[in-house]
């Protein structure tokens, strides 16, 4: 997976496939360890990507607040 073009949706699909393979009782221990390692790495990349996205959303919210003079709650459930 390219570091320059990380796609969150694709990584989540790949994680789902890894889980399905790990649930297969016919997977060898060696294969399971390799799949688990790949899953941990994908999970780490997803977490980093989501943190970056959250930072971007907060920055945009702050810019919108300053332009409108109002405070927008990004954590508000509607």
PDB file of N, CA and C in Angstrom:
ATOM      1  N   UNK A   1       0.846  -1.186   0.000  1.00  0.00           N
ATOM      2  CA  UNK A   1       0.000   0.000   0.000  1.00  0.00           C
ATOM      3  C   UNK A   1       0.883   1.238   0.000  1.00  0.00           C
ATOM      4  N   UNK A   2       0.627   2.143  -0.917  1.00  0.00           N
ATOM      5  CA  UNK A   2       1.445   3.340  -1.060  1.00  0.00           C
ATOM      6  C   UNK A   2       1.214   4.321   0.088  1.00  0.00           C
ATOM      7  N   UNK A   3       2.315   4.810   0.649  1.00  0.00           N
ATOM      8  CA  UNK A   3       2.220   5.792   1.730  1.00  0.00           C
ATOM      9  C   UNK A   3       1.670   7.121   1.222  1.00  0.00           C
ATOM     10  N   UNK A   4       1.934   7.441  -0.066  1.00  0.00           N
ATOM     11  CA  UNK A   4       1.541   8.733  -0.597  1.00  0.00           C
ATOM     12  C   UNK A   4       0.056   8.802  -0.938  1.00  0.00           C
ATOM     13  N   UNK A   5      -0.582   7.685  -1.158  1.00  0.00           N
ATOM     14  CA  UNK A   5      -1.989   7.682  -1.577  1.00  0.00           C
ATOM     15  C   UNK A   5      -2.799   6.719  -0.719  1.00  0.00           C
ATOM     16  N   UNK A   6      -2.781   6.930   0.590  1.00  0.00           N
ATOM     17  CA  UNK A   6      -3.511   6.076   1.524  1.00  0.00           C
ATOM     18  C   UNK A   6      -5.004   6.320   1.375  1.00  0.00           C
ATOM     19  N   UNK A   7      -5.748   5.257   1.184  1.00  0.00           N
ATOM     20  CA  UNK A   7      -7.201   5.343   1.049  1.00  0.00           C
ATOM     21  C   UNK A   7      -7.844   4.648   2.245  1.00  0.00           C
ATOM     22  N   UNK A   8      -8.489   5.416   3.086  1.00  0.00           N
ATOM     23  CA  UNK A   8      -9.096   4.898   4.304  1.00  0.00           C
ATOM     24  C   UNK A   8     -10.121   3.813   4.002  1.00  0.00           C
ATOM     25  N   UNK A   9     -10.996   4.057   3.043  1.00  0.00           N
ATOM     26  CA  UNK A   9     -12.045   3.093   2.729  1.00  0.00           C
ATOM     27  C   UNK A   9     -11.451   1.759   2.275  1.00  0.00           C
ATOM     28  N   UNK A  10     -10.430   1.826   1.445  1.00  0.00           N
ATOM     29  CA  UNK A  10      -9.784   0.599   0.960  1.00  0.00           C
ATOM     30  C   UNK A  10      -9.113  -0.143   2.114  1.00  0.00           C
ATOM     31  N   UNK A  11      -8.478   0.588   2.999  1.00  0.00           N
ATOM     32  CA  UNK A  11      -7.812  -0.029   4.147  1.00  0.00           C
ATOM     33  C   UNK A  11      -8.830  -0.714   5.057  1.00  0.00           C
ATOM     34  N   UNK A  12      -9.986  -0.095   5.258  1.00  0.00           N
ATOM     35  CA  UNK A  12     -11.025  -0.696   6.089  1.00  0.00           C
ATOM     36  C   UNK A  12     -11.581  -1.971   5.445  1.00  0.00           C
ATOM     37  N   UNK A  13     -11.726  -1.960   4.129  1.00  0.00           N
ATOM     38  CA  UNK A  13     -12.156  -3.169   3.413  1.00  0.00           C
ATOM     39  C   UNK A  13     -11.112  -4.276   3.571  1.00  0.00           C
ATOM     40  N   UNK A  14      -9.851  -3.906   3.461  1.00  0.00           N
ATOM     41  CA  UNK A  14      -8.768  -4.870   3.609  1.00  0.00           C
ATOM     42  C   UNK A  14      -8.729  -5.444   5.032  1.00  0.00           C
ATOM     43  N   UNK A  15      -8.961  -4.597   6.021  1.00  0.00           N
ATOM     44  CA  UNK A  15      -9.033  -5.070   7.407  1.00  0.00           C
ATOM     45  C   UNK A  15     -10.184  -6.061   7.580  1.00  0.00           C
ATOM     46  N   UNK A  16     -11.299  -5.781   6.965  1.00  0.00           N
ATOM     47  CA  UNK A  16     -12.444  -6.682   7.032  1.00  0.00           C
ATOM     48  C   UNK A  16     -12.085  -8.052   6.429  1.00  0.00           C
ATOM     49  N   UNK A  17     -11.387  -8.038   5.309  1.00  0.00           N
ATOM     50  CA  UNK A  17     -10.956  -9.290   4.675  1.00  0.00           C
ATOM     51  C   UNK A  17      -9.979 -10.056   5.574  1.00  0.00           C
ATOM     52  N   UNK A  18      -9.090  -9.340   6.222  1.00  0.00           N
ATOM     53  CA  UNK A  18      -8.131  -9.973   7.131  1.00  0.00           C
ATOM     54  C   UNK A  18      -8.866 -10.667   8.274  1.00  0.00           C
ATOM     55  N   UNK A  19      -9.863  -9.992   8.833  1.00  0.00           N
ATOM     56  CA  UNK A  19     -10.647 -10.585   9.924  1.00  0.00           C
ATOM     57  C   UNK A  19     -11.329 -11.866   9.450  1.00  0.00           C
ATOM     58  N   UNK A  20     -11.923 -11.820   8.266  1.00  0.00           N
ATOM     59  CA  UNK A  20     -12.588 -13.012   7.724  1.00  0.00           C
ATOM     60  C   UNK A  20     -11.602 -14.157   7.561  1.00  0.00           C
ATOM     61  N   UNK A  21     -10.410 -13.862   7.054  1.00  0.00           N
ATOM     62  CA  UNK A  21      -9.393 -14.900   6.879  1.00  0.00           C
ATOM     63  C   UNK A  21      -8.933 -15.454   8.227  1.00  0.00           C
ATOM     64  N   UNK A  22      -8.784 -14.574   9.214  1.00  0.00           N
ATOM     65  CA  UNK A  22      -8.348 -15.025  10.540  1.00  0.00           C
ATOM     66  C   UNK A  22      -9.406 -15.907  11.207  1.00  0.00           C
ATOM     67  N   UNK A  23     -10.658 -15.704  10.875  1.00  0.00           N
ATOM     68  CA  UNK A  23     -11.734 -16.524  11.435  1.00  0.00           C
ATOM     69  C   UNK A  23     -11.815 -17.897  10.783  1.00  0.00           C
ATOM     70  N   UNK A  24     -11.149 -18.065   9.645  1.00  0.00           N
ATOM     71  CA  UNK A  24     -11.126 -19.346   8.937  1.00  0.00           C
ATOM     72  C   UNK A  24     -10.267 -20.344   9.712  1.00  0.00           C
ATOM     73  N   UNK A  25     -10.838 -21.452  10.058  1.00  0.00           N
ATOM     74  CA  UNK A  25     -10.129 -22.451  10.861  1.00  0.00           C
ATOM     75  C   UNK A  25      -9.032 -23.175  10.074  1.00  0.00           C
ATOM     76  N   UNK A  26      -9.001 -23.005   8.766  1.00  0.00           N
ATOM     77  CA  UNK A  26      -8.000 -23.668   7.936  1.00  0.00           C
ATOM     78  C   UNK A  26      -6.728 -22.851   7.739  1.00  0.00           C
ATOM     79  N   UNK A  27      -6.670 -21.649   8.312  1.00  0.00           N
ATOM     80  CA  UNK A  27      -5.493 -20.789   8.177  1.00  0.00           C
ATOM     81  C   UNK A  27      -4.414 -21.296   9.128  1.00  0.00           C
ATOM     82  N   UNK A  28      -3.198 -21.416   8.605  1.00  0.00           N
ATOM     83  CA  UNK A  28      -2.096 -21.904   9.435  1.00  0.00           C
ATOM     84  C   UNK A  28      -1.680 -20.835  10.439  1.00  0.00           C
ATOM     85  N   UNK A  29      -0.936 -21.262  11.448  1.00  0.00           N
ATOM     86  CA  UNK A  29      -0.453 -20.329  12.456  1.00  0.00           C
ATOM     87  C   UNK A  29       0.442 -19.270  11.817  1.00  0.00           C
ATOM     88  N   UNK A  30       1.327 -19.684  10.914  1.00  0.00           N
ATOM     89  CA  UNK A  30       2.220 -18.741  10.241  1.00  0.00           C
ATOM     90  C   UNK A  30       1.430 -17.707   9.445  1.00  0.00           C
ATOM     91  N   UNK A  31       0.407 -18.177   8.703  1.00  0.00           N
ATOM     92  CA  UNK A  31      -0.435 -17.253   7.937  1.00  0.00           C
ATOM     93  C   UNK A  31      -1.187 -16.306   8.876  1.00  0.00           C
ATOM     94  N   UNK A  32      -1.673 -16.842   9.992  1.00  0.00           N
ATOM     95  CA  UNK A  32      -2.404 -16.028  10.964  1.00  0.00           C
ATOM     96  C   UNK A  32      -1.536 -14.906  11.513  1.00  0.00           C
ATOM     97  N   UNK A  33      -0.289 -15.228  11.832  1.00  0.00           N
ATOM     98  CA  UNK A  33       0.621 -14.216  12.370  1.00  0.00           C
ATOM     99  C   UNK A  33       0.874 -13.132  11.323  1.00  0.00           C
ATOM    100  N   UNK A  34       1.094 -13.518  10.085  1.00  0.00           N
ATOM    101  CA  UNK A  34       1.330 -12.534   9.017  1.00  0.00           C
ATOM    102  C   UNK A  34       0.099 -11.656   8.797  1.00  0.00           C
ATOM    103  N   UNK A  35      -1.078 -12.284   8.802  1.00  0.00           N
ATOM    104  CA  UNK A  35      -2.311 -11.510   8.636  1.00  0.00           C
ATOM    105  C   UNK A  35      -2.513 -10.553   9.804  1.00  0.00           C
ATOM    106  N   UNK A  36      -2.236 -11.033  11.012  1.00  0.00           N
ATOM    107  CA  UNK A  36      -2.391 -10.188  12.193  1.00  0.00           C
ATOM    108  C   UNK A  36      -1.446  -8.990  12.129  1.00  0.00           C
ATOM    109  N   UNK A  37      -0.202  -9.231  11.729  1.00  0.00           N
ATOM    110  CA  UNK A  37       0.767  -8.132  11.608  1.00  0.00           C
ATOM    111  C   UNK A  37       0.293  -7.105  10.588  1.00  0.00           C
ATOM    112  N   UNK A  38      -0.202  -7.592   9.463  1.00  0.00           N
ATOM    113  CA  UNK A  38      -0.699  -6.676   8.429  1.00  0.00           C
ATOM    114  C   UNK A  38      -1.904  -5.897   8.951  1.00  0.00           C
ATOM    115  N   UNK A  39      -2.787  -6.569   9.694  1.00  0.00           N
ATOM    116  CA  UNK A  39      -3.954  -5.913  10.261  1.00  0.00           C
ATOM    117  C   UNK A  39      -3.578  -4.826  11.252  1.00  0.00           C
ATOM    118  N   UNK A  40      -2.570  -5.101  12.087  1.00  0.00           N
ATOM    119  CA  UNK A  40      -2.116  -4.098  13.062  1.00  0.00           C
ATOM    120  C   UNK A  40      -1.558  -2.880  12.332  1.00  0.00           C
ATOM    121  N   UNK A  41      -0.777  -3.107  11.291  1.00  0.00           N
ATOM    122  CA  UNK A  41      -0.195  -1.997  10.525  1.00  0.00           C
ATOM    123  C   UNK A  41      -1.294  -1.168   9.844  1.00  0.00           C
ATOM    124  N   UNK A  42      -2.267  -1.852   9.244  1.00  0.00           N
ATOM    125  CA  UNK A  42      -3.380  -1.128   8.613  1.00  0.00           C
ATOM    126  C   UNK A  42      -4.176  -0.343   9.640  1.00  0.00           C
ATOM    127  N   UNK A  43      -4.402  -0.936  10.789  1.00  0.00           N
ATOM    128  CA  UNK A  43      -5.128  -0.260  11.861  1.00  0.00           C
ATOM    129  C   UNK A  43      -4.389   1.001  12.308  1.00  0.00           C
ATOM    130  N   UNK A  44      -3.075   0.912  12.432  1.00  0.00           N
ATOM    131  CA  UNK A  44      -2.261   2.071  12.819  1.00  0.00           C
ATOM    132  C   UNK A  44      -2.383   3.183  11.778  1.00  0.00           C
ATOM    133  N   UNK A  45      -2.296   2.802  10.492  1.00  0.00           N
ATOM    134  CA  UNK A  45      -2.405   3.797   9.418  1.00  0.00           C
ATOM    135  C   UNK A  45      -3.791   4.445   9.397  1.00  0.00           C
ATOM    136  N   UNK A  46      -4.836   3.636   9.641  1.00  0.00           N
ATOM    137  CA  UNK A  46      -6.196   4.178   9.690  1.00  0.00           C
ATOM    138  C   UNK A  46      -6.327   5.183  10.824  1.00  0.00           C
ATOM    139  N   UNK A  47      -5.794   4.836  11.969  1.00  0.00           N
ATOM    140  CA  UNK A  47      -5.857   5.728  13.130  1.00  0.00           C
ATOM    141  C   UNK A  47      -5.139   7.044  12.846  1.00  0.00           C
ATOM    142  N   UNK A  48      -3.959   6.963  12.251  1.00  0.00           N
ATOM    143  CA  UNK A  48      -3.207   8.176  11.906  1.00  0.00           C
ATOM    144  C   UNK A  48      -3.992   9.023  10.905  1.00  0.00           C
ATOM    145  N   UNK A  49      -4.591   8.354   9.924  1.00  0.00           N
ATOM    146  CA  UNK A  49      -5.350   9.064   8.902  1.00  0.00           C
ATOM    147  C   UNK A  49      -6.566   9.752   9.512  1.00  0.00           C
ATOM    148  N   UNK A  50      -7.267   9.067  10.405  1.00  0.00           N
ATOM    149  CA  UNK A  50      -8.434   9.658  11.054  1.00  0.00           C
ATOM    150  C   UNK A  50      -8.043  10.843  11.937  1.00  0.00           C
ATOM    151  N   UNK A  51      -6.886  10.763  12.580  1.00  0.00           N
ATOM    152  CA  UNK A  51      -6.399  11.877  13.393  1.00  0.00           C
ATOM    153  C   UNK A  51      -6.136  13.099  12.509  1.00  0.00           C
ATOM    154  N   UNK A  52      -5.551  12.872  11.333  1.00  0.00           N
ATOM    155  CA  UNK A  52      -5.305  13.976  10.394  1.00  0.00           C
ATOM    156  C   UNK A  52      -6.622  14.576   9.910  1.00  0.00           C
ATOM    157  N   UNK A  53      -7.578  13.719   9.607  1.00  0.00           N
ATOM    158  CA  UNK A  53      -8.884  14.195   9.138  1.00  0.00           C
ATOM    159  C   UNK A  53      -9.556  15.020  10.231  1.00  0.00           C
ATOM    160  N   UNK A  54      -9.505  14.541  11.468  1.00  0.00           N
ATOM    161  CA  UNK A  54     -10.104  15.283  12.584  1.00  0.00           C
ATOM    162  C   UNK A  54      -9.454  16.663  12.718  1.00  0.00           C
ATOM    163  N   UNK A  55      -8.131  16.716  12.591  1.00  0.00           N
ATOM    164  CA  UNK A  55      -7.429  17.994  12.658  1.00  0.00           C
ATOM    165  C   UNK A  55      -7.887  18.944  11.570  1.00  0.00           C
ATOM    166  N   UNK A  56      -8.088  18.412  10.360  1.00  0.00           N
ATOM    167  CA  UNK A  56      -8.564  19.243   9.249  1.00  0.00           C
ATOM    168  C   UNK A  56      -9.962  19.766   9.510  1.00  0.00           C
ATOM    169  N   UNK A  57     -10.822  18.916  10.041  1.00  0.00           N
ATOM    170  CA  UNK A  57     -12.200  19.336  10.329  1.00  0.00           C
ATOM    171  C   UNK A  57     -12.202  20.415  11.407  1.00  0.00           C
ATOM    172  N   UNK A  58     -11.400  20.251  12.444  1.00  0.00           N
ATOM    173  CA  UNK A  58     -11.331  21.247  13.516  1.00  0.00           C
ATOM    174  C   UNK A  58     -10.812  22.577  12.966  1.00  0.00           C
ATOM    175  N   UNK A  59      -9.802  22.513  12.109  1.00  0.00           N
ATOM    176  CA  UNK A  59      -9.256  23.738  11.509  1.00  0.00           C
ATOM    177  C   UNK A  59     -10.321  24.447  10.670  1.00  0.00           C
ATOM    178  N   UNK A  60     -11.041  23.674   9.862  1.00  0.00           N
ATOM    179  CA  UNK A  60     -12.103  24.274   9.043  1.00  0.00           C
ATOM    180  C   UNK A  60     -13.213  24.851   9.909  1.00  0.00           C
ATOM    181  N   UNK A  61     -13.569  24.172  10.985  1.00  0.00           N
ATOM    182  CA  UNK A  61     -14.585  24.654  11.912  1.00  0.00           C
ATOM    183  C   UNK A  61     -14.155  25.972  12.531  1.00  0.00           C
ATOM    184  N   UNK A  62     -12.880  26.039  12.933  1.00  0.00           N
ATOM    185  CA  UNK A  62     -12.367  27.278  13.522  1.00  0.00           C
ATOM    186  C   UNK A  62     -12.404  28.426  12.515  1.00  0.00           C
ATOM    187  N   UNK A  63     -12.077  28.130  11.262  1.00  0.00           N
ATOM    188  CA  UNK A  63     -12.141  29.162  10.218  1.00  0.00           C
ATOM    189  C   UNK A  63     -13.575  29.611   9.990  1.00  0.00           C
ATOM    190  N   UNK A  64     -14.497  28.661   9.989  1.00  0.00           N
ATOM    191  CA  UNK A  64     -15.908  28.997   9.809  1.00  0.00           C
ATOM    192  C   UNK A  64     -16.411  29.833  10.977  1.00  0.00           C
ATOM    193  N   UNK A  65     -16.007  29.463  12.193  1.00  0.00           N
ATOM    194  CA  UNK A  65     -16.386  30.237  13.378  1.00  0.00           C
ATOM    195  C   UNK A  65     -15.911  31.682  13.257  1.00  0.00           C
ATOM    196  N   UNK A  66     -14.673  31.860  12.821  1.00  0.00           N
ATOM    197  CA  UNK A  66     -14.125  33.219  12.742  1.00  0.00           C
ATOM    198  C   UNK A  66     -14.788  34.023  11.627  1.00  0.00           C
ATOM    199  N   UNK A  67     -15.193  33.369  10.547  1.00  0.00           N
ATOM    200  CA  UNK A  67     -15.859  34.076   9.454  1.00  0.00           C
ATOM    201  C   UNK A  67     -17.289  34.456   9.809  1.00  0.00           C
ATOM    202  N   UNK A  68     -17.978  33.578  10.502  1.00  0.00           N
ATOM    203  CA  UNK A  68     -19.400  33.802  10.768  1.00  0.00           C
ATOM    204  C   UNK A  68     -19.655  34.505  12.094  1.00  0.00           C
ATOM    205  N   UNK A  69     -18.663  34.460  12.972  1.00  0.00           N
ATOM    206  CA  UNK A  69     -18.862  35.043  14.292  1.00  0.00           C
ATOM    207  C   UNK A  69     -19.659  34.137  15.210  1.00  0.00           C
ATOM    208  N   UNK A  70     -20.001  32.931  14.744  1.00  0.00           N
ATOM    209  CA  UNK A  70     -20.742  31.958  15.544  1.00  0.00           C
ATOM    210  C   UNK A  70     -19.850  30.766  15.842  1.00  0.00           C
ATOM    211  N   UNK A  71     -20.219  30.039  16.877  1.00  0.00           N
ATOM    212  CA  UNK A  71     -19.505  28.813  17.216  1.00  0.00           C
ATOM    213  C   UNK A  71     -20.312  27.630  16.715  1.00  0.00           C
ATOM    214  N   UNK A  72     -19.665  26.755  15.944  1.00  0.00           N
ATOM    215  CA  UNK A  72     -20.297  25.543  15.456  1.00  0.00           C
ATOM    216  C   UNK A  72     -19.754  24.370  16.253  1.00  0.00           C
ATOM    217  N   UNK A  73     -20.654  23.516  16.715  1.00  0.00           N
ATOM    218  CA  UNK A  73     -20.276  22.369  17.529  1.00  0.00           C
ATOM    219  C   UNK A  73     -20.111  21.156  16.647  1.00  0.00           C
ATOM    220  N   UNK A  74     -18.860  20.707  16.415  1.00  0.00           N
ATOM    221  CA  UNK A  74     -18.628  19.543  15.548  1.00  0.00           C
ATOM    222  C   UNK A  74     -18.939  18.244  16.257  1.00  0.00           C
ATOM    223  N   UNK A  75     -19.077  18.254  17.563  1.00  0.00           N
ATOM    224  CA  UNK A  75     -19.390  17.044  18.318  1.00  0.00           C
ATOM    225  C   UNK A  75     -20.880  16.892  18.586  1.00  0.00           C
ATOM    226  N   UNK A  76     -21.666  17.813  18.106  1.00  0.00           N
ATOM    227  CA  UNK A  76     -23.108  17.830  18.352  1.00  0.00           C
ATOM    228  C   UNK A  76     -23.788  16.689  17.609  1.00  0.00           C
ATOM    229  N   UNK A  77     -24.579  15.889  18.312  1.00  0.00           N
ATOM    230  CA  UNK A  77     -25.360  14.803  17.701  1.00  0.00           C
ATOM    231  C   UNK A  77     -26.713  15.345  17.282  1.00  0.00           C
ATOM    232  N   UNK A  78     -27.043  15.085  16.038  1.00  0.00           N
ATOM    233  CA  UNK A  78     -28.357  15.544  15.561  1.00  0.00           C
ATOM    234  C   UNK A  78     -29.096  14.390  14.965  1.00  0.00           C
TER     235      UNK A  78
END
